[in-house]
Amino acid sequence: IAAAIQQGFGAVVGAIGAAGSHPAGPPFL
């Protein structure tokens, strides 16, 4: 689970950046 969460956050951050968007609040699980 630790690796899945770390990799998952990396994928989500990457997708947001690729869309030219930005986070709008704190991350959560």
All heavy atoms as atom14 arrays in JSON, in Angstrom:
{
  "sequence": "IAAAIQQGFGAVVGAIGAAGSHPAGPPFL",
  "atom14_mask": [
    [1, 1, 1, 1, 1, 1, 1, 1, 0, 0, 0, 0, 0, 0],
    [1, 1, 1, 1, 1, 0, 0, 0, 0, 0, 0, 0, 0, 0],
    [1, 1, 1, 1, 1, 0, 0, 0, 0, 0, 0, 0, 0, 0],
    [1, 1, 1, 1, 1, 0, 0, 0, 0, 0, 0, 0, 0, 0],
    [1, 1, 1, 1, 1, 1, 1, 1, 0, 0, 0, 0, 0, 0],
    [1, 1, 1, 1, 1, 1, 1, 1, 1, 0, 0, 0, 0, 0],
    [1, 1, 1, 1, 1, 1, 1, 1, 1, 0, 0, 0, 0, 0],
    [1, 1, 1, 1, 0, 0, 0, 0, 0, 0, 0, 0, 0, 0],
    [1, 1, 1, 1, 1, 1, 1, 1, 1, 1, 1, 0, 0, 0],
    [1, 1, 1, 1, 0, 0, 0, 0, 0, 0, 0, 0, 0, 0],
    [1, 1, 1, 1, 1, 0, 0, 0, 0, 0, 0, 0, 0, 0],
    [1, 1, 1, 1, 1, 1, 1, 0, 0, 0, 0, 0, 0, 0],
    [1, 1, 1, 1, 1, 1, 1, 0, 0, 0, 0, 0, 0, 0],
    [1, 1, 1, 1, 0, 0, 0, 0, 0, 0, 0, 0, 0, 0],
    [1, 1, 1, 1, 1, 0, 0, 0, 0, 0, 0, 0, 0, 0],
    [1, 1, 1, 1, 1, 1, 1, 1, 0, 0, 0, 0, 0, 0],
    [1, 1, 1, 1, 0, 0, 0, 0, 0, 0, 0, 0, 0, 0],
    [1, 1, 1, 1, 1, 0, 0, 0, 0, 0, 0, 0, 0, 0],
    [1, 1, 1, 1, 1, 0, 0, 0, 0, 0, 0, 0, 0, 0],
    [1, 1, 1, 1, 0, 0, 0, 0, 0, 0, 0, 0, 0, 0],
    [1, 1, 1, 1, 1, 1, 0, 0, 0, 0, 0, 0, 0, 0],
    [1, 1, 1, 1, 1, 1, 1, 1, 1, 1, 0, 0, 0, 0],
    [1, 1, 1, 1, 1, 1, 1, 0, 0, 0, 0, 0, 0, 0],
    [1, 1, 1, 1, 1, 0, 0, 0, 0, 0, 0, 0, 0, 0],
    [1, 1, 1, 1, 0, 0, 0, 0, 0, 0, 0, 0, 0, 0],
    [1, 1, 1, 1, 1, 1, 1, 0, 0, 0, 0, 0, 0, 0],
    [1, 1, 1, 1, 1, 1, 1, 0, 0, 0, 0, 0, 0, 0],
    [1, 1, 1, 1, 1, 1, 1, 1, 1, 1, 1, 0, 0, 0],
    [1, 1, 1, 1, 1, 1, 1, 1, 0, 0, 0, 0, 0, 0]
  ],
  "atom14_positions": [
    [[0.81, -1.22, 0.0], [0.0, 0.0, 0.0], [0.84, 1.27, 0.0], [0.51, 2.25, -0.67], [-1.0, 0.0, 1.18], [-1.97, 1.18, 1.03], [-0.28, 0.03, 2.53], [-3.15, 1.11, 1.94], [0.0, 0.0, 0.0], [0.0, 0.0, 0.0], [0.0, 0.0, 0.0], [0.0, 0.0, 0.0], [0.0, 0.0, 0.0], [0.0, 0.0, 0.0]],
    [[1.96, 1.27, 0.72], [2.79, 2.49, 0.75], [3.29, 2.84, -0.64], [3.22, 4.0, -1.07], [3.96, 2.3, 1.71], [0.0, 0.0, 0.0], [0.0, 0.0, 0.0], [0.0, 0.0, 0.0], [0.0, 0.0, 0.0], [0.0, 0.0, 0.0], [0.0, 0.0, 0.0], [0.0, 0.0, 0.0], [0.0, 0.0, 0.0], [0.0, 0.0, 0.0]],
    [[3.78, 1.84, -1.37], [4.26, 2.09, -2.73], [3.12, 2.48, -3.65], [3.26, 3.36, -4.51], [4.97, 0.85, -3.27], [0.0, 0.0, 0.0], [0.0, 0.0, 0.0], [0.0, 0.0, 0.0], [0.0, 0.0, 0.0], [0.0, 0.0, 0.0], [0.0, 0.0, 0.0], [0.0, 0.0, 0.0], [0.0, 0.0, 0.0], [0.0, 0.0, 0.0]],
    [[1.94, 1.84, -3.48], [0.79, 2.15, -4.32], [0.35, 3.6, -4.13], [0.03, 4.3, -5.1], [-0.37, 1.2, -4.0], [0.0, 0.0, 0.0], [0.0, 0.0, 0.0], [0.0, 0.0, 0.0], [0.0, 0.0, 0.0], [0.0, 0.0, 0.0], [0.0, 0.0, 0.0], [0.0, 0.0, 0.0], [0.0, 0.0, 0.0], [0.0, 0.0, 0.0]],
    [[0.36, 4.07, -2.88], [-0.04, 5.44, -2.6], [0.98, 6.42, -3.18], [0.62, 7.42, -3.81], [-0.22, 5.65, -1.09], [-1.45, 4.88, -0.6], [-0.34, 7.13, -0.75], [-1.6, 4.85, 0.91], [0.0, 0.0, 0.0], [0.0, 0.0, 0.0], [0.0, 0.0, 0.0], [0.0, 0.0, 0.0], [0.0, 0.0, 0.0], [0.0, 0.0, 0.0]],
    [[2.26, 6.14, -2.95], [3.3, 7.03, -3.47], [3.24, 7.13, -4.99], [3.27, 8.23, -5.56], [4.68, 6.53, -3.02], [5.83, 7.43, -3.46], [7.17, 6.9, -3.0], [7.33, 5.73, -2.68], [8.16, 7.77, -2.95], [0.0, 0.0, 0.0], [0.0, 0.0, 0.0], [0.0, 0.0, 0.0], [0.0, 0.0, 0.0], [0.0, 0.0, 0.0]],
    [[3.15, 5.98, -5.65], [3.08, 5.99, -7.11], [1.78, 6.62, -7.59], [1.75, 7.33, -8.6], [3.21, 4.56, -7.63], [4.57, 3.94, -7.36], [4.59, 2.44, -7.57], [3.59, 1.84, -7.98], [5.73, 1.81, -7.28], [0.0, 0.0, 0.0], [0.0, 0.0, 0.0], [0.0, 0.0, 0.0], [0.0, 0.0, 0.0], [0.0, 0.0, 0.0]],
    [[0.69, 6.38, -6.84], [-0.6, 6.94, -7.23], [-0.61, 8.45, -7.16], [-1.1, 9.12, -8.09], [0.0, 0.0, 0.0], [0.0, 0.0, 0.0], [0.0, 0.0, 0.0], [0.0, 0.0, 0.0], [0.0, 0.0, 0.0], [0.0, 0.0, 0.0], [0.0, 0.0, 0.0], [0.0, 0.0, 0.0], [0.0, 0.0, 0.0], [0.0, 0.0, 0.0]],
    [[-0.06, 9.01, -6.1], [0.01, 10.46, -6.0], [0.87, 11.03, -7.13], [0.56, 12.08, -7.71], [0.54, 10.9, -4.64], [-0.53, 11.08, -3.6], [-0.48, 10.39, -2.4], [-1.59, 11.95, -3.81], [-1.47, 10.55, -1.44], [-2.59, 12.12, -2.86], [-2.53, 11.41, -1.68], [0.0, 0.0, 0.0], [0.0, 0.0, 0.0], [0.0, 0.0, 0.0]],
    [[1.97, 10.33, -7.45], [2.8, 10.79, -8.55], [2.04, 10.82, -9.87], [2.16, 11.77, -10.65], [0.0, 0.0, 0.0], [0.0, 0.0, 0.0], [0.0, 0.0, 0.0], [0.0, 0.0, 0.0], [0.0, 0.0, 0.0], [0.0, 0.0, 0.0], [0.0, 0.0, 0.0], [0.0, 0.0, 0.0], [0.0, 0.0, 0.0], [0.0, 0.0, 0.0]],
    [[1.22, 9.78, -10.11], [0.44, 9.73, -11.34], [-0.61, 10.82, -11.38], [-0.83, 11.45, -12.43], [-0.22, 8.36, -11.48], [0.0, 0.0, 0.0], [0.0, 0.0, 0.0], [0.0, 0.0, 0.0], [0.0, 0.0, 0.0], [0.0, 0.0, 0.0], [0.0, 0.0, 0.0], [0.0, 0.0, 0.0], [0.0, 0.0, 0.0], [0.0, 0.0, 0.0]],
    [[-1.27, 11.08, -10.24], [-2.32, 12.11, -10.21], [-1.71, 13.5, -10.4], [-2.22, 14.32, -11.18], [-3.12, 12.03, -8.9], [-4.13, 13.18, -8.82], [-3.85, 10.7, -8.79], [0.0, 0.0, 0.0], [0.0, 0.0, 0.0], [0.0, 0.0, 0.0], [0.0, 0.0, 0.0], [0.0, 0.0, 0.0], [0.0, 0.0, 0.0], [0.0, 0.0, 0.0]],
    [[-0.61, 13.77, -9.71], [0.06, 15.06, -9.88], [0.5, 15.25, -11.32], [0.36, 16.34, -11.91], [1.26, 15.17, -8.92], [2.13, 16.38, -9.26], [0.78, 15.28, -7.47], [0.0, 0.0, 0.0], [0.0, 0.0, 0.0], [0.0, 0.0, 0.0], [0.0, 0.0, 0.0], [0.0, 0.0, 0.0], [0.0, 0.0, 0.0], [0.0, 0.0, 0.0]],
    [[1.03, 14.19, -11.93], [1.46, 14.28, -13.31], [0.32, 14.57, -14.26], [0.46, 15.38, -15.2], [0.0, 0.0, 0.0], [0.0, 0.0, 0.0], [0.0, 0.0, 0.0], [0.0, 0.0, 0.0], [0.0, 0.0, 0.0], [0.0, 0.0, 0.0], [0.0, 0.0, 0.0], [0.0, 0.0, 0.0], [0.0, 0.0, 0.0], [0.0, 0.0, 0.0]],
    [[-0.84, 13.94, -14.03], [-2.0, 14.17, -14.89], [-2.51, 15.6, -14.75], [-2.89, 16.24, -15.74], [-3.1, 13.17, -14.55], [0.0, 0.0, 0.0], [0.0, 0.0, 0.0], [0.0, 0.0, 0.0], [0.0, 0.0, 0.0], [0.0, 0.0, 0.0], [0.0, 0.0, 0.0], [0.0, 0.0, 0.0], [0.0, 0.0, 0.0], [0.0, 0.0, 0.0]],
    [[-2.51, 16.11, -13.51], [-2.96, 17.5, -13.29], [-2.03, 18.47, -14.02], [-2.48, 19.41, -14.68], [-3.02, 17.8, -11.78], [-4.11, 16.97, -11.12], [-3.27, 19.29, -11.54], [-4.12, 17.07, -9.59], [0.0, 0.0, 0.0], [0.0, 0.0, 0.0], [0.0, 0.0, 0.0], [0.0, 0.0, 0.0], [0.0, 0.0, 0.0], [0.0, 0.0, 0.0]],
    [[-0.74, 18.23, -13.91], [0.22, 19.09, -14.59], [0.08, 19.03, -16.09], [0.16, 20.05, -16.79], [0.0, 0.0, 0.0], [0.0, 0.0, 0.0], [0.0, 0.0, 0.0], [0.0, 0.0, 0.0], [0.0, 0.0, 0.0], [0.0, 0.0, 0.0], [0.0, 0.0, 0.0], [0.0, 0.0, 0.0], [0.0, 0.0, 0.0], [0.0, 0.0, 0.0]],
    [[-0.15, 17.82, -16.63], [-0.31, 17.67, -18.07], [-1.54, 18.39, -18.59], [-1.59, 18.81, -19.75], [-0.37, 16.18, -18.44], [0.0, 0.0, 0.0], [0.0, 0.0, 0.0], [0.0, 0.0, 0.0], [0.0, 0.0, 0.0], [0.0, 0.0, 0.0], [0.0, 0.0, 0.0], [0.0, 0.0, 0.0], [0.0, 0.0, 0.0], [0.0, 0.0, 0.0]],
    [[-2.55, 18.54, -17.72], [-3.77, 19.23, -18.11], [-3.63, 20.75, -17.97], [-4.56, 21.48, -18.32], [-4.94, 18.74, -17.25], [0.0, 0.0, 0.0], [0.0, 0.0, 0.0], [0.0, 0.0, 0.0], [0.0, 0.0, 0.0], [0.0, 0.0, 0.0], [0.0, 0.0, 0.0], [0.0, 0.0, 0.0], [0.0, 0.0, 0.0], [0.0, 0.0, 0.0]],
    [[-2.48, 21.21, -17.47], [-2.3, 22.64, -17.24], [-3.15, 23.17, -16.1], [-3.42, 24.36, -16.01], [0.0, 0.0, 0.0], [0.0, 0.0, 0.0], [0.0, 0.0, 0.0], [0.0, 0.0, 0.0], [0.0, 0.0, 0.0], [0.0, 0.0, 0.0], [0.0, 0.0, 0.0], [0.0, 0.0, 0.0], [0.0, 0.0, 0.0], [0.0, 0.0, 0.0]],
    [[-3.54, 22.26, -15.2], [-4.36, 22.64, -14.06], [-3.5, 22.71, -12.8], [-2.26, 22.66, -12.88], [-5.51, 21.65, -13.89], [-6.43, 22.09, -12.9], [0.0, 0.0, 0.0], [0.0, 0.0, 0.0], [0.0, 0.0, 0.0], [0.0, 0.0, 0.0], [0.0, 0.0, 0.0], [0.0, 0.0, 0.0], [0.0, 0.0, 0.0], [0.0, 0.0, 0.0]],
    [[-4.14, 22.76, -11.64], [-3.41, 22.89, -10.38], [-4.28, 22.35, -9.25], [-5.51, 22.32, -9.35], [-3.05, 24.35, -10.12], [-4.25, 25.25, -10.08], [-5.02, 25.44, -8.96], [-4.83, 26.01, -11.06], [-6.02, 26.26, -9.23], [-5.93, 26.63, -10.5], [0.0, 0.0, 0.0], [0.0, 0.0, 0.0], [0.0, 0.0, 0.0], [0.0, 0.0, 0.0]],
    [[-3.66, 21.9, -8.15], [-4.45, 21.46, -7.0], [-5.29, 22.6, -6.43], [-4.87, 23.75, -6.41], [-3.39, 20.99, -5.99], [-2.19, 20.68, -6.83], [-2.22, 21.68, -7.95], [0.0, 0.0, 0.0], [0.0, 0.0, 0.0], [0.0, 0.0, 0.0], [0.0, 0.0, 0.0], [0.0, 0.0, 0.0], [0.0, 0.0, 0.0], [0.0, 0.0, 0.0]],
    [[-6.49, 22.25, -5.95], [-7.39, 23.25, -5.39], [-7.74, 22.94, -3.93], [-8.74, 23.44, -3.41], [-8.67, 23.33, -6.22], [0.0, 0.0, 0.0], [0.0, 0.0, 0.0], [0.0, 0.0, 0.0], [0.0, 0.0, 0.0], [0.0, 0.0, 0.0], [0.0, 0.0, 0.0], [0.0, 0.0, 0.0], [0.0, 0.0, 0.0], [0.0, 0.0, 0.0]],
    [[-6.91, 22.14, -3.27], [-7.14, 21.8, -1.88], [-6.2, 20.71, -1.45], [-5.41, 20.18, -2.26], [0.0, 0.0, 0.0], [0.0, 0.0, 0.0], [0.0, 0.0, 0.0], [0.0, 0.0, 0.0], [0.0, 0.0, 0.0], [0.0, 0.0, 0.0], [0.0, 0.0, 0.0], [0.0, 0.0, 0.0], [0.0, 0.0, 0.0], [0.0, 0.0, 0.0]],
    [[-6.22, 20.35, -0.17], [-5.29, 19.34, 0.32], [-5.6, 17.95, -0.25], [-6.77, 17.6, -0.45], [-5.5, 19.37, 1.84], [-6.87, 19.93, 2.03], [-7.08, 20.89, 0.9], [0.0, 0.0, 0.0], [0.0, 0.0, 0.0], [0.0, 0.0, 0.0], [0.0, 0.0, 0.0], [0.0, 0.0, 0.0], [0.0, 0.0, 0.0], [0.0, 0.0, 0.0]],
    [[-4.57, 17.15, -0.51], [-4.79, 15.8, -1.03], [-5.41, 14.91, 0.04], [-5.28, 15.16, 1.24], [-3.39, 15.35, -1.4], [-2.5, 16.1, -0.48], [-3.15, 17.44, -0.28], [0.0, 0.0, 0.0], [0.0, 0.0, 0.0], [0.0, 0.0, 0.0], [0.0, 0.0, 0.0], [0.0, 0.0, 0.0], [0.0, 0.0, 0.0], [0.0, 0.0, 0.0]],
    [[-6.06, 13.85, -0.42], [-6.62, 12.9, 0.55], [-6.75, 11.52, -0.06], [-6.65, 11.34, -1.29], [-7.96, 13.39, 1.11], [-9.07, 13.58, 0.11], [-10.0, 12.59, -0.13], [-9.21, 14.79, -0.57], [-11.04, 12.77, -1.03], [-10.25, 14.99, -1.47], [-11.17, 13.98, -1.7], [0.0, 0.0, 0.0], [0.0, 0.0, 0.0], [0.0, 0.0, 0.0]],
    [[-6.95, 10.55, 0.8], [-7.18, 9.16, 0.4], [-8.57, 8.75, 0.83], [-9.08, 9.19, 1.86], [-6.17, 8.22, 1.07], [-4.69, 8.41, 0.77], [-3.88, 7.42, 1.6], [-4.4, 8.24, -0.71], [0.0, 0.0, 0.0], [0.0, 0.0, 0.0], [0.0, 0.0, 0.0], [0.0, 0.0, 0.0], [0.0, 0.0, 0.0], [0.0, 0.0, 0.0]]
  ]
}
